[in-house]
Protein backbone atom coordinates (compact mmCIF):
# COMPACT_ATOMS: atom_id res chain seq x y z
CA MET A 1 100.41 -1.68 35.89
CA LYS A 2 97.17 0.29 35.96
CA ILE A 3 97.00 4.07 36.30
CA THR A 4 96.01 4.89 39.87
CA GLN A 5 96.66 7.62 42.43
CA HIS A 6 100.32 8.70 42.33
CA SER A 7 101.16 6.81 39.15
CA ALA A 8 103.83 8.38 36.95
CA VAL A 9 102.30 8.28 33.48
CA SER A 10 103.67 8.93 30.00
CA ILE A 11 101.21 9.60 27.17
CA HIS A 12 101.00 10.91 23.64
CA TYR A 13 97.90 12.91 22.71
CA ARG A 14 96.22 14.87 19.95
CA LEU A 15 93.98 17.71 21.06
CA SER A 16 91.19 19.04 18.83
CA ASN A 17 88.37 21.53 19.31
CA ALA A 18 84.67 21.03 18.59
CA LYS A 19 85.24 21.90 14.92
CA GLY A 20 87.81 19.14 14.58
CA GLU A 21 90.67 21.62 14.29
CA LEU A 22 93.97 20.33 15.64
CA ILE A 23 95.27 22.37 18.58
CA GLU A 24 98.20 20.27 19.81
CA ASP A 25 99.91 17.04 18.80
CA SER A 26 102.53 15.51 21.08
CA PHE A 27 103.05 12.62 18.63
CA GLU A 28 105.26 15.00 16.66
CA GLY A 29 107.54 15.54 19.65
CA GLU A 30 108.13 14.42 23.22
CA PRO A 31 105.46 12.50 25.15
CA MET A 32 103.79 14.16 28.10
CA LEU A 33 104.60 12.98 31.61
CA TYR A 34 102.30 13.65 34.54
CA LEU A 35 101.62 12.58 38.11
CA HIS A 36 98.16 11.03 38.27
CA GLY A 37 95.92 12.46 40.99
CA ALA A 38 98.08 15.55 41.57
CA GLU A 39 95.93 17.95 39.52
CA ASN A 40 98.56 18.06 36.78
CA MET A 41 95.82 17.55 34.21
CA ILE A 42 92.26 18.69 33.53
CA PRO A 43 89.79 16.47 35.42
CA GLY A 44 87.78 15.42 32.36
CA LEU A 45 90.83 13.73 30.84
CA GLU A 46 92.46 12.46 34.01
CA SER A 47 89.30 10.65 35.13
CA GLN A 48 89.18 8.71 31.85
CA LEU A 49 92.80 7.61 32.21
CA GLU A 50 92.14 6.02 35.60
CA GLY A 51 92.68 2.26 35.37
CA LYS A 52 94.29 2.32 31.93
CA VAL A 53 97.56 0.50 31.19
CA ALA A 54 100.48 0.98 28.81
CA GLY A 55 99.37 0.35 25.24
CA ASP A 56 95.79 1.52 25.75
CA LYS A 57 94.40 4.01 23.22
CA LEU A 58 91.30 6.08 23.81
CA GLU A 59 89.32 9.05 22.56
CA VAL A 60 88.03 11.36 25.28
CA SER A 61 85.49 14.16 24.86
CA VAL A 62 85.80 16.83 27.54
CA SER A 63 83.20 19.52 28.21
CA ALA A 64 84.24 23.04 29.15
CA GLU A 65 83.11 22.40 32.73
CA ASN A 66 85.48 19.43 33.03
CA GLY A 67 88.22 21.11 31.03
CA TYR A 68 89.29 24.72 31.40
CA GLY A 69 85.98 25.98 32.74
CA PRO A 70 83.43 28.39 31.27
CA TYR A 71 84.48 31.68 29.71
CA HIS A 72 84.06 34.61 32.14
CA ASP A 73 83.52 37.99 30.48
CA GLY A 74 84.60 39.66 33.72
CA LEU A 75 88.14 38.35 33.28
CA LYS A 76 88.63 40.47 30.16
CA GLN A 77 89.48 44.08 30.91
CA GLU A 78 91.35 47.19 29.83
CA VAL A 79 94.42 48.33 31.75
CA PRO A 80 96.81 51.24 31.15
CA LEU A 81 99.99 50.52 29.23
CA SER A 82 101.89 52.08 32.13
CA ALA A 83 100.90 49.07 34.27
CA PHE A 84 103.48 47.02 32.37
CA GLY A 85 106.36 49.13 33.68
CA ASP A 86 109.49 49.02 31.54
CA ILE A 87 108.40 46.04 29.42
CA GLN A 88 108.75 47.05 25.78
CA ASP A 89 106.76 46.14 22.67
CA ILE A 90 103.58 44.78 24.22
CA VAL A 91 101.78 42.85 21.45
CA PRO A 92 98.71 40.57 21.27
CA GLY A 93 99.46 37.00 22.28
CA MET A 94 101.95 37.86 25.01
CA ARG A 95 101.24 36.29 28.39
CA PHE A 96 102.02 37.60 31.84
CA ILE A 97 101.59 36.59 35.46
CA ALA A 98 99.53 39.33 37.07
CA GLU A 99 99.52 40.05 40.80
CA THR A 100 95.92 40.35 42.01
CA GLU A 101 94.02 40.43 45.29
CA MET A 102 93.35 36.73 44.69
CA GLY A 103 97.02 35.95 44.13
CA GLN A 104 98.86 35.35 40.86
CA ARG A 105 96.84 34.83 37.69
CA PRO A 106 98.06 34.30 34.10
CA VAL A 107 96.67 36.80 31.60
CA GLN A 108 97.02 37.13 27.83
CA VAL A 109 97.24 40.35 25.84
CA LYS A 110 94.35 40.44 23.37
CA GLU A 111 94.63 43.96 21.94
CA VAL A 112 96.79 47.08 22.24
CA LYS A 113 95.22 50.44 21.40
CA ASP A 114 97.22 53.61 22.06
CA ASP A 115 97.99 53.59 25.80
CA ILE A 116 95.40 50.93 26.69
CA VAL A 117 96.00 47.17 26.75
CA VAL A 118 93.14 44.65 26.66
CA VAL A 119 94.02 41.56 28.70
CA ASP A 120 92.14 38.32 29.24
CA GLY A 121 92.48 36.23 32.39
CA ASN A 122 90.58 33.28 30.93
CA HIS A 123 92.51 30.21 29.86
CA PRO A 124 92.86 30.22 26.03
CA LEU A 125 90.71 27.07 25.90
CA ALA A 126 88.06 28.24 28.39
CA GLY A 127 84.50 27.67 27.24
CA GLN A 128 85.50 25.07 24.66
CA SER A 129 84.55 21.42 24.31
CA LEU A 130 87.66 19.40 23.49
CA THR A 131 88.57 15.98 22.15
CA PHE A 132 91.73 14.10 23.11
CA ASN A 133 93.07 11.08 21.24
CA VAL A 134 95.43 9.48 23.73
CA GLU A 135 97.92 6.61 23.74
CA VAL A 136 99.29 5.46 27.09
CA LEU A 137 103.01 4.78 26.70
CA ASP A 138 104.22 3.93 30.20
CA VAL A 139 102.95 3.65 33.76
CA ARG A 140 105.12 3.33 36.88
CA GLU A 141 104.98 4.14 40.56
CA ALA A 142 106.03 7.70 41.34
CA THR A 143 108.92 8.21 43.72
CA ALA A 144 108.37 9.68 47.17
CA GLU A 145 110.13 12.85 46.04
CA GLU A 146 107.90 13.20 42.97
CA ILE A 147 104.79 12.76 45.10
CA ALA A 148 106.05 15.35 47.59
CA HIS A 149 106.81 17.82 44.80
CA GLY A 150 103.57 17.12 42.95
CA HIS A 151 105.13 16.48 39.54
CA ILE A 152 107.32 14.03 37.65
CA HIS A 153 111.09 14.53 37.58
CA ALA A 154 111.95 13.83 33.97
CA HIS A 155 112.95 15.82 30.91
CA GLY A 156 110.18 16.46 28.40
CA GLY A 157 107.28 16.13 30.83
CA CYS A 158 104.42 18.50 31.18
CA GLY A 159 105.85 21.62 32.77
CA SER A 160 108.96 19.71 33.76
CA GLU A 161 112.51 20.01 32.56
CA GLY A 162 115.36 18.63 34.56
CA GLY A 163 113.04 18.26 37.53
CA HIS A 164 111.97 21.90 37.67
CA GLU A 165 108.47 23.06 36.88
CA HIS A 166 107.79 25.91 34.49
CA SER A 167 104.59 27.87 34.17
CA HIS A 168 102.89 27.22 30.84
CA GLU A 169 99.63 28.00 29.19
CA GLY A 170 97.56 25.95 26.77
CA GLY A 171 97.27 22.24 26.07
CA CYS A 172 95.94 19.51 28.32
CA CYS A 173 98.18 20.52 31.19
CA GLY A 174 100.29 23.25 29.74
CA GLY A 175 101.81 24.27 26.46
CA SER A 176 104.87 25.97 25.11
CA ASP A 177 104.42 29.68 25.70
CA HIS A 178 106.37 30.99 28.67
CA GLU A 179 104.73 33.62 30.79
CA HIS A 180 106.35 36.70 32.25
CA SER A 181 106.09 37.47 35.94
CA HIS A 182 104.80 41.02 36.17
CA GLU A 183 104.85 42.43 39.70
CA GLY A 184 102.26 45.12 40.17
CA GLY A 185 101.23 44.70 36.56
CA CYS A 186 98.00 44.36 34.66
CA CYS A 187 94.93 43.42 36.70
CA SER A 188 96.84 44.28 39.84
CA ASP A 189 95.52 46.38 42.67
CA LYS A 190 98.91 48.12 42.69
CA HIS A 191 98.37 50.39 39.69
CA ASP A 192 96.45 53.66 39.68
CA GLU A 193 93.56 52.54 37.52
CA PRO A 194 90.91 50.54 39.39
CA ALA A 195 90.26 47.10 37.98
CA LYS A 196 86.90 46.53 36.39
CA GLU A 197 84.57 44.47 38.46
CA GLY A 198 84.63 40.75 37.71
CA CYS A 199 82.26 37.94 38.61
CA ASP A 200 83.12 38.12 42.30
CA GLY A 201 83.45 41.89 42.54
CA ASN A 202 87.18 41.68 43.25
CA GLY A 203 88.30 42.93 39.86
CA GLY A 204 88.29 41.20 36.51
CA CYS A 205 91.46 39.15 36.79
CA GLY A 206 90.78 38.27 40.41
CA CYS A 207 87.62 36.39 39.50
CA ARG A 208 87.28 33.02 41.18
CA HIS A 209 86.14 30.07 39.10
């Protein structure tokens, strides 16, 4: 069976950056499951999987534009530590879901200096050209329920565990770092400090891509 719209697909992949440095390797763990055509995956990779069948192996080069988009300087900003409420021990690398005028946006803590926290609303792989080495393991028709929900109901899939999606960051459609929902938190219009202007003038973390 070929991969087409609404196929349930299982793949293994190795993800490397332009320097050849390994970023992720699913071959060392569980394969990734995704629903083809449901925006579960970056377009530059998904388009190259169209028409492939189980057993196919391919190397795919993905530009930033067809991956996680260009890096926007306006999405990096300083916010007061008080914006994080009662969350303790804020350290670089932590990720949060920020409430913004444009809705929820994941942000990552880049630096903490005294009572100021530098956060970045760009995806960790934004602005990077990437290479995927992929092996297609299985292709089947998705169920009506999976199509309605927009993801595959199976343990070990991308952002799926026991049929429930989780928000992840990193990797070709996710990663392993859980984010924290932070109501009224960094990059939000609910704290006292005004957000720095981003590329659309709605505040750094509210920048549309």
